[in-house]
Amino acid sequence: MSKQGKKRRYDYSLLIVVFLLVGVGLVILYSTSAYNGEVKFHDSFYYLKKQAFATVLGIGIMFAMANIDYHIWQYFAVFAYVIALILSTAVLFIGDEYNGSKRWLSLGPFSFQPSEYAKVALILFLSYIVLKNVKEIDKIRTLIKIIASTLPIVALVGSNNLSTAVIILGIAIILIFVSSPKYTQFIAMGGLAIGFLGIFLALESYRLERLAIWRNPEKYEKGYQTLQGLYAIGSGGLFGRGIGSSIQKLGFVPEAQNDMIFSIICEEFGLFGAIFIILLFVILIWRFFVIATHAKDLFGALLATGAMGHIMIQVILNIAVVTNSIPNTGITLPFISYGGTSVMFLLLEMGLVLSVSNLIE
């Protein structure tokens, strides 16, 4: 087979699942957001049009990334990480605030969340750093050095977006874990992480309040969203009310098209619809695993593993929040929740993984 032939040998299973998630996501988004769009902007297609534009742009970026040899990104990994640090710092000073959170930067008429870019930048950066230190990866000081290099972005993002900081830290831990031959070191590091998390939660009273709301959402005004989401899940039954027939999206679940969209999926499509969406994510994660284990080299394996960790953590946390299995942390459901920046960088990430699959022997 020629070298050119290998470059276009996509993992078509991954590509099909991505298109299914994107397509189903747009349908669900419209069903979920039409009411809010009509009430707020007098346009039921408002959210769909913005998401569709970002999706088309993201698909173009995905195919462009898929046809670039992923090895070239080793030379830009540190630069990409530095840009992530600069953008995350800029958010603290000149960021735009929406719904009480300062997470956006504006460039003319466009706004984006640097934290979404930071996830991809961290995957590139850590894959590069692990690759450069692979001969000493079994030494505790090397692990500490690698983890320490990720703390600045975790701290900057975590200052105004704790949920994304948790995802970024989770990606880092997974990449370091799979690359280290000694697992016992992670027990001590896990203990330190738990202690750090306890201190971090105690620093701000609202974080401890979230724990109380999680345990008894009916006792707190801020538990309203959680309760309405649970009502939506319960009312869906096995087969749901039918697409477009949700009651909870009519102002009962605030901003239903964002973090709580899975509850509307459960209400309109029932248990079977929810299982279908989860199954798509399971297949997506499985394809990441297959690509990682068959990658041509360590850098490619780490890129695929980083994407796998990202999607896996974010899906699990989102569903856990919606079902009130963990405290509310404001995490979106990949490819389905509303967010142009999110879907564009997710598709860029898929392009990176497709690039790795192109060069599998």
Protein backbone atom coordinates (compact mmCIF):
# COMPACT_ATOMS: atom_id res chain seq x y z
CA MET A 1 0.00 0.00 0.00
CA SER A 2 1.33 3.44 -0.85
CA LYS A 3 2.07 6.05 1.78
CA GLN A 4 -0.70 8.23 0.35
CA GLY A 5 -3.15 5.35 0.71
CA LYS A 6 -2.27 4.97 4.37
CA LYS A 7 -2.90 8.64 5.03
CA ARG A 8 -6.56 8.29 4.04
CA ARG A 9 -7.20 5.10 5.95
CA TYR A 10 -9.56 6.62 8.50
CA ASP A 11 -11.07 4.65 11.34
CA TYR A 12 -14.50 4.73 9.73
CA SER A 13 -16.19 3.25 12.81
CA LEU A 14 -15.03 6.27 14.80
CA LEU A 15 -16.08 8.63 12.02
CA ILE A 16 -19.59 7.12 11.80
CA VAL A 17 -20.11 7.36 15.56
CA VAL A 18 -18.95 10.99 15.59
CA PHE A 19 -21.41 11.87 12.80
CA LEU A 20 -24.20 10.01 14.61
CA LEU A 21 -23.51 11.93 17.83
CA VAL A 22 -23.33 15.24 15.99
CA GLY A 23 -26.50 14.57 13.99
CA VAL A 24 -28.51 13.24 16.93
CA GLY A 25 -27.14 16.09 19.03
CA LEU A 26 -28.47 18.74 16.65
CA VAL A 27 -31.93 17.13 16.59
CA ILE A 28 -32.03 16.89 20.39
CA LEU A 29 -30.69 20.44 20.75
CA TYR A 30 -33.45 21.86 18.57
CA SER A 31 -36.11 19.94 20.45
CA THR A 32 -34.69 21.13 23.76
CA SER A 33 -33.91 24.75 22.88
CA ALA A 34 -36.80 25.78 20.62
CA TYR A 35 -38.90 27.09 23.52
CA ASN A 36 -36.05 29.12 25.07
CA GLY A 37 -35.09 30.46 21.64
CA GLU A 38 -38.63 31.64 20.98
CA VAL A 39 -39.03 33.23 24.42
CA LYS A 40 -35.63 34.98 24.55
CA PHE A 41 -34.89 35.75 20.90
CA HIS A 42 -38.24 35.28 19.11
CA ASP A 43 -36.56 32.59 17.01
CA SER A 44 -37.07 28.91 17.81
CA PHE A 45 -34.09 28.07 15.57
CA TYR A 46 -31.74 30.51 17.34
CA TYR A 47 -29.65 27.93 19.21
CA LEU A 48 -29.78 25.38 16.40
CA LYS A 49 -28.44 27.84 13.80
CA LYS A 50 -25.49 28.84 15.97
CA GLN A 51 -24.70 25.23 16.86
CA ALA A 52 -25.05 24.07 13.24
CA PHE A 53 -22.65 26.79 12.07
CA ALA A 54 -20.05 25.78 14.68
CA THR A 55 -20.57 22.11 13.80
CA VAL A 56 -20.01 22.62 10.06
CA LEU A 57 -16.88 24.66 10.83
CA GLY A 58 -15.74 21.98 13.28
CA ILE A 59 -16.22 19.18 10.73
CA GLY A 60 -14.04 21.08 8.28
CA ILE A 61 -11.36 21.46 10.97
CA MET A 62 -11.69 17.77 11.85
CA PHE A 63 -10.95 16.60 8.30
CA ALA A 64 -8.10 19.09 7.98
CA MET A 65 -6.54 17.74 11.20
CA ALA A 66 -7.15 14.15 10.09
CA ASN A 67 -5.06 14.69 6.96
CA ILE A 68 -2.10 16.25 8.77
CA ASP A 69 0.59 13.92 10.12
CA TYR A 70 0.08 14.14 13.90
CA HIS A 71 3.85 14.02 14.55
CA ILE A 72 4.11 17.66 13.51
CA TRP A 73 2.19 18.71 16.64
CA GLN A 74 5.14 17.66 18.83
CA TYR A 75 6.89 20.84 17.70
CA PHE A 76 3.94 23.04 18.70
CA ALA A 77 2.89 21.29 21.94
CA VAL A 78 4.70 23.63 24.34
CA PHE A 79 3.60 26.70 22.38
CA ALA A 80 -0.02 25.49 22.44
CA TYR A 81 0.18 25.05 26.21
CA VAL A 82 1.66 28.53 26.72
CA ILE A 83 -1.18 30.01 24.63
CA ALA A 84 -3.66 28.15 26.85
CA LEU A 85 -2.05 29.72 29.93
CA ILE A 86 -2.15 33.20 28.37
CA LEU A 87 -5.82 32.88 27.33
CA SER A 88 -6.85 31.48 30.71
CA THR A 89 -5.08 34.38 32.43
CA ALA A 90 -6.77 36.86 30.10
CA VAL A 91 -10.19 35.51 31.13
CA LEU A 92 -9.51 36.57 34.73
CA PHE A 93 -8.97 40.20 33.70
CA ILE A 94 -10.93 40.87 30.51
CA GLY A 95 -13.28 37.89 30.34
CA ASP A 96 -17.01 38.25 29.72
CA GLU A 97 -19.39 37.14 32.46
CA TYR A 98 -22.57 35.19 31.74
CA ASN A 99 -24.91 33.74 34.36
CA GLY A 100 -22.48 34.68 37.11
CA SER A 101 -19.46 32.94 35.54
CA LYS A 102 -16.51 34.66 33.86
CA ARG A 103 -15.44 32.06 31.28
CA TRP A 104 -15.58 33.74 27.86
CA LEU A 105 -13.29 35.93 25.77
CA SER A 106 -14.70 38.07 22.98
CA LEU A 107 -13.08 38.70 19.61
CA GLY A 108 -15.34 41.19 17.87
CA PRO A 109 -18.74 39.54 17.38
CA PHE A 110 -17.38 36.12 18.34
CA SER A 111 -16.87 34.74 21.84
CA PHE A 112 -15.25 31.50 22.93
CA GLN A 113 -14.26 29.60 26.05
CA PRO A 114 -10.46 29.25 26.41
CA SER A 115 -11.03 26.32 28.79
CA GLU A 116 -12.26 24.21 25.83
CA TYR A 117 -9.06 24.95 23.95
CA ALA A 118 -7.05 24.20 27.11
CA LYS A 119 -8.25 20.57 27.11
CA VAL A 120 -6.81 19.92 23.65
CA ALA A 121 -3.65 21.90 24.41
CA LEU A 122 -3.07 19.85 27.56
CA ILE A 123 -3.44 16.56 25.68
CA LEU A 124 -0.81 17.70 23.16
CA PHE A 125 1.49 19.08 25.85
CA LEU A 126 1.36 16.07 28.16
CA SER A 127 1.77 13.62 25.27
CA TYR A 128 4.91 15.51 24.30
CA ILE A 129 6.27 15.77 27.86
CA VAL A 130 5.68 12.08 28.59
CA LEU A 131 7.36 11.17 25.31
CA LYS A 132 10.44 13.24 26.23
CA ASN A 133 10.64 11.69 29.72
CA VAL A 134 9.62 8.13 28.85
CA LYS A 135 12.97 6.63 29.94
CA GLU A 136 12.58 8.05 33.46
CA ILE A 137 8.80 7.78 33.76
CA ASP A 138 9.11 5.13 36.48
CA LYS A 139 10.78 7.59 38.86
CA ILE A 140 8.58 9.49 41.30
CA ARG A 141 10.39 12.77 40.71
CA THR A 142 9.59 12.55 37.01
CA LEU A 143 5.91 11.99 37.76
CA ILE A 144 5.88 14.92 40.17
CA LYS A 145 7.58 17.12 37.58
CA ILE A 146 5.00 16.21 34.93
CA ILE A 147 2.06 16.73 37.27
CA ALA A 148 3.51 20.03 38.49
CA SER A 149 3.66 21.26 34.89
CA THR A 150 -0.11 20.85 34.61
CA LEU A 151 -0.99 22.65 37.85
CA PRO A 152 -0.81 26.20 36.42
CA ILE A 153 -3.57 25.54 33.87
CA VAL A 154 -5.62 23.62 36.45
CA ALA A 155 -5.37 26.56 38.88
CA LEU A 156 -6.16 29.20 36.25
CA VAL A 157 -9.16 27.35 34.83
CA GLY A 158 -10.30 26.22 38.29
CA SER A 159 -10.46 29.78 39.57
CA ASN A 160 -13.67 30.34 37.61
CA ASN A 161 -14.58 26.92 36.19
CA LEU A 162 -14.09 24.12 38.70
CA SER A 163 -15.77 21.46 36.55
CA THR A 164 -13.43 21.98 33.59
CA ALA A 165 -10.43 22.04 35.94
CA VAL A 166 -11.50 18.61 37.24
CA ILE A 167 -11.68 17.31 33.66
CA ILE A 168 -8.25 18.74 32.81
CA LEU A 169 -6.72 17.21 35.94
CA GLY A 170 -8.44 13.91 35.15
CA ILE A 171 -6.97 13.87 31.64
CA ALA A 172 -3.52 14.50 33.10
CA ILE A 173 -3.84 11.68 35.64
CA ILE A 174 -5.03 9.19 32.99
CA LEU A 175 -2.17 10.03 30.61
CA ILE A 176 0.43 9.74 33.37
CA PHE A 177 -1.16 6.56 34.73
CA VAL A 178 -1.12 4.68 31.42
CA SER A 179 2.46 5.72 30.68
CA SER A 180 3.92 4.75 34.08
CA PRO A 181 4.93 1.10 34.74
CA LYS A 182 4.63 1.55 38.53
CA TYR A 183 1.07 1.93 39.75
CA THR A 184 1.76 1.92 43.50
CA GLN A 185 2.98 5.52 43.29
CA PHE A 186 -0.52 6.61 42.36
CA ILE A 187 -1.90 5.50 45.74
CA ALA A 188 0.12 8.17 47.54
CA MET A 189 -0.61 10.69 44.81
CA GLY A 190 -4.31 9.87 45.04
CA GLY A 191 -4.24 10.55 48.78
CA LEU A 192 -2.59 13.91 48.16
CA ALA A 193 -5.18 14.73 45.50
CA ILE A 194 -8.04 13.97 47.89
CA GLY A 195 -6.44 16.16 50.56
CA PHE A 196 -5.95 18.97 48.05
CA LEU A 197 -9.58 18.66 46.94
CA GLY A 198 -10.78 18.89 50.54
CA ILE A 199 -8.79 22.08 51.09
CA PHE A 200 -9.98 23.49 47.76
CA LEU A 201 -13.62 22.88 48.66
CA ALA A 202 -13.21 24.43 52.10
CA LEU A 203 -11.73 27.66 50.68
CA GLU A 204 -15.08 28.79 49.28
CA SER A 205 -18.35 28.39 51.18
CA TYR A 206 -20.43 27.95 48.02
CA ARG A 207 -18.52 24.76 47.22
CA LEU A 208 -19.47 23.24 50.56
CA GLU A 209 -23.01 24.48 49.97
CA ARG A 210 -23.13 22.40 46.79
CA LEU A 211 -22.47 19.29 48.87
CA ALA A 212 -25.41 20.14 51.14
CA ILE A 213 -27.67 20.79 48.12
CA TRP A 214 -26.61 17.48 46.60
CA ARG A 215 -27.64 15.59 49.72
CA ASN A 216 -30.98 17.39 50.16
CA PRO A 217 -31.89 19.34 47.01
CA GLU A 218 -35.50 19.77 48.16
CA LYS A 219 -34.37 21.87 51.13
CA TYR A 220 -32.57 24.54 49.11
CA GLU A 221 -33.69 27.05 46.51
CA LYS A 222 -30.58 26.26 44.45
CA GLY A 223 -31.65 22.61 44.34
CA TYR A 224 -34.53 23.57 42.01
CA GLN A 225 -32.66 22.69 38.80
CA THR A 226 -31.63 19.29 40.15
CA LEU A 227 -35.17 18.44 41.23
CA GLN A 228 -36.69 19.51 37.91
CA GLY A 229 -34.11 17.42 36.09
CA LEU A 230 -35.01 14.40 38.19
CA TYR A 231 -38.71 14.99 37.49
CA ALA A 232 -37.90 14.98 33.76
CA ILE A 233 -35.98 11.72 34.04
CA GLY A 234 -38.73 10.05 36.05
CA SER A 235 -41.56 11.17 33.78
CA GLY A 236 -39.89 9.75 30.66
CA GLY A 237 -40.44 6.12 31.63
CA LEU A 238 -39.19 3.43 29.25
CA PHE A 239 -39.98 5.04 25.90
CA GLY A 240 -40.44 8.73 26.73
CA ARG A 241 -43.12 11.29 25.91
CA GLY A 242 -41.93 11.62 22.32
CA ILE A 243 -39.64 14.09 20.58
CA GLY A 244 -40.69 17.69 21.21
CA SER A 245 -43.13 16.68 23.96
CA SER A 246 -41.04 17.51 27.04
CA ILE A 247 -42.82 19.52 29.73
CA GLN A 248 -39.74 20.30 31.82
CA LYS A 249 -37.98 22.16 29.00
CA LEU A 250 -40.76 24.77 29.05
CA GLY A 251 -38.96 26.89 31.62
CA PHE A 252 -38.94 24.35 34.45
CA VAL A 253 -35.38 23.14 33.82
CA PRO A 254 -33.36 26.37 33.49
CA GLU A 255 -31.20 26.51 30.33
CA ALA A 256 -32.27 22.97 29.45
CA GLN A 257 -30.12 22.98 26.30
CA ASN A 258 -26.92 23.18 28.32
CA ASP A 259 -25.77 21.05 31.27
CA MET A 260 -29.14 19.38 31.92
CA ILE A 261 -29.91 18.28 28.36
CA PHE A 262 -29.60 14.59 29.30
CA SER A 263 -32.64 14.94 31.56
CA ILE A 264 -34.70 16.13 28.56
CA ILE A 265 -33.35 13.19 26.53
CA CYS A 266 -34.69 10.89 29.24
CA GLU A 267 -38.05 12.68 29.27
CA GLU A 268 -38.59 12.68 25.51
CA PHE A 269 -36.93 9.37 24.58
CA GLY A 270 -37.18 7.43 27.82
CA LEU A 271 -34.78 4.87 29.23
CA PHE A 272 -34.17 3.29 25.82
CA GLY A 273 -33.26 6.64 24.27
CA ALA A 274 -30.86 7.39 27.13
CA ILE A 275 -29.24 3.95 26.73
CA PHE A 276 -28.85 4.58 22.98
CA ILE A 277 -26.95 7.84 23.63
CA ILE A 278 -24.77 6.16 26.28
CA LEU A 279 -24.07 3.28 23.88
CA LEU A 280 -22.85 5.72 21.22
CA PHE A 281 -20.39 7.17 23.73
CA VAL A 282 -19.28 3.67 24.78
CA ILE A 283 -18.54 2.79 21.14
CA LEU A 284 -16.69 6.09 20.69
CA ILE A 285 -14.52 5.42 23.76
CA TRP A 286 -13.90 1.84 22.61
CA ARG A 287 -12.65 3.09 19.22
CA PHE A 288 -10.27 5.45 21.01
CA PHE A 289 -8.96 2.47 22.96
CA VAL A 290 -8.49 0.39 19.80
CA ILE A 291 -6.66 3.24 18.03
CA ALA A 292 -4.45 3.85 21.08
CA THR A 293 -3.45 0.20 21.41
CA HIS A 294 -2.67 -0.11 17.68
CA ALA A 295 -1.00 3.28 17.26
CA LYS A 296 2.26 3.44 15.34
CA ASP A 297 4.14 5.04 18.25
CA LEU A 298 3.82 6.30 21.81
CA PHE A 299 2.91 9.86 20.85
CA GLY A 300 -0.03 8.67 18.79
CA ALA A 301 -1.13 6.29 21.55
CA LEU A 302 -1.05 9.12 24.10
CA LEU A 303 -3.07 11.45 21.88
CA ALA A 304 -5.80 8.83 21.46
CA THR A 305 -5.69 8.01 25.18
CA GLY A 306 -6.01 11.67 26.10
CA ALA A 307 -9.10 12.04 23.90
CA MET A 308 -10.52 8.84 25.39
CA GLY A 309 -9.97 10.14 28.92
CA HIS A 310 -11.52 13.51 28.07
CA ILE A 311 -14.75 12.10 26.61
CA MET A 312 -15.04 9.38 29.24
CA ILE A 313 -14.65 11.78 32.19
CA GLN A 314 -16.96 14.43 30.76
CA VAL A 315 -19.77 12.00 29.86
CA ILE A 316 -19.63 10.22 33.21
CA LEU A 317 -19.60 13.48 35.18
CA ASN A 318 -22.43 15.04 33.16
CA ILE A 319 -24.74 12.05 33.57
CA ALA A 320 -23.77 11.72 37.23
CA VAL A 321 -24.67 15.38 37.84
CA VAL A 322 -28.00 15.15 35.98
CA THR A 323 -28.99 12.04 37.96
CA ASN A 324 -27.78 13.73 41.19
CA SER A 325 -25.19 10.99 41.76
CA ILE A 326 -22.60 13.72 42.45
CA PRO A 327 -22.89 17.44 43.34
CA ASN A 328 -23.78 19.81 40.53
CA THR A 329 -20.62 20.96 38.74
CA GLY A 330 -21.90 22.44 35.48
CA ILE A 331 -20.45 19.98 32.95
CA THR A 332 -21.84 19.75 29.42
CA LEU A 333 -22.61 16.56 27.48
CA PRO A 334 -20.13 16.31 24.57
CA PHE A 335 -21.53 16.90 21.05
CA ILE A 336 -25.08 17.31 22.40
CA SER A 337 -25.19 20.22 24.86
CA TYR A 338 -25.29 23.71 23.36
CA GLY A 339 -21.89 25.32 22.91
CA GLY A 340 -20.14 26.32 19.70
CA THR A 341 -16.65 26.45 21.20
CA SER A 342 -17.12 23.04 22.76
CA VAL A 343 -18.27 21.27 19.59
CA MET A 344 -15.53 22.87 17.46
CA PHE A 345 -12.70 21.79 19.75
CA LEU A 346 -14.26 18.36 20.25
CA LEU A 347 -14.28 17.85 16.48
CA LEU A 348 -10.70 19.16 16.27
CA GLU A 349 -9.81 16.53 18.88
CA MET A 350 -11.56 13.86 16.79
CA GLY A 351 -9.44 14.97 13.84
CA LEU A 352 -6.28 14.37 15.89
CA VAL A 353 -7.40 10.83 16.71
CA LEU A 354 -8.37 10.17 13.08
CA SER A 355 -4.87 11.32 12.12
CA VAL A 356 -3.43 8.71 14.47
CA SER A 357 -5.67 6.04 12.93
CA ASN A 358 -4.48 7.06 9.42
CA LEU A 359 -0.98 5.80 10.16
CA ILE A 360 -1.90 2.49 11.80
CA GLU A 361 -0.06 -0.31 10.03
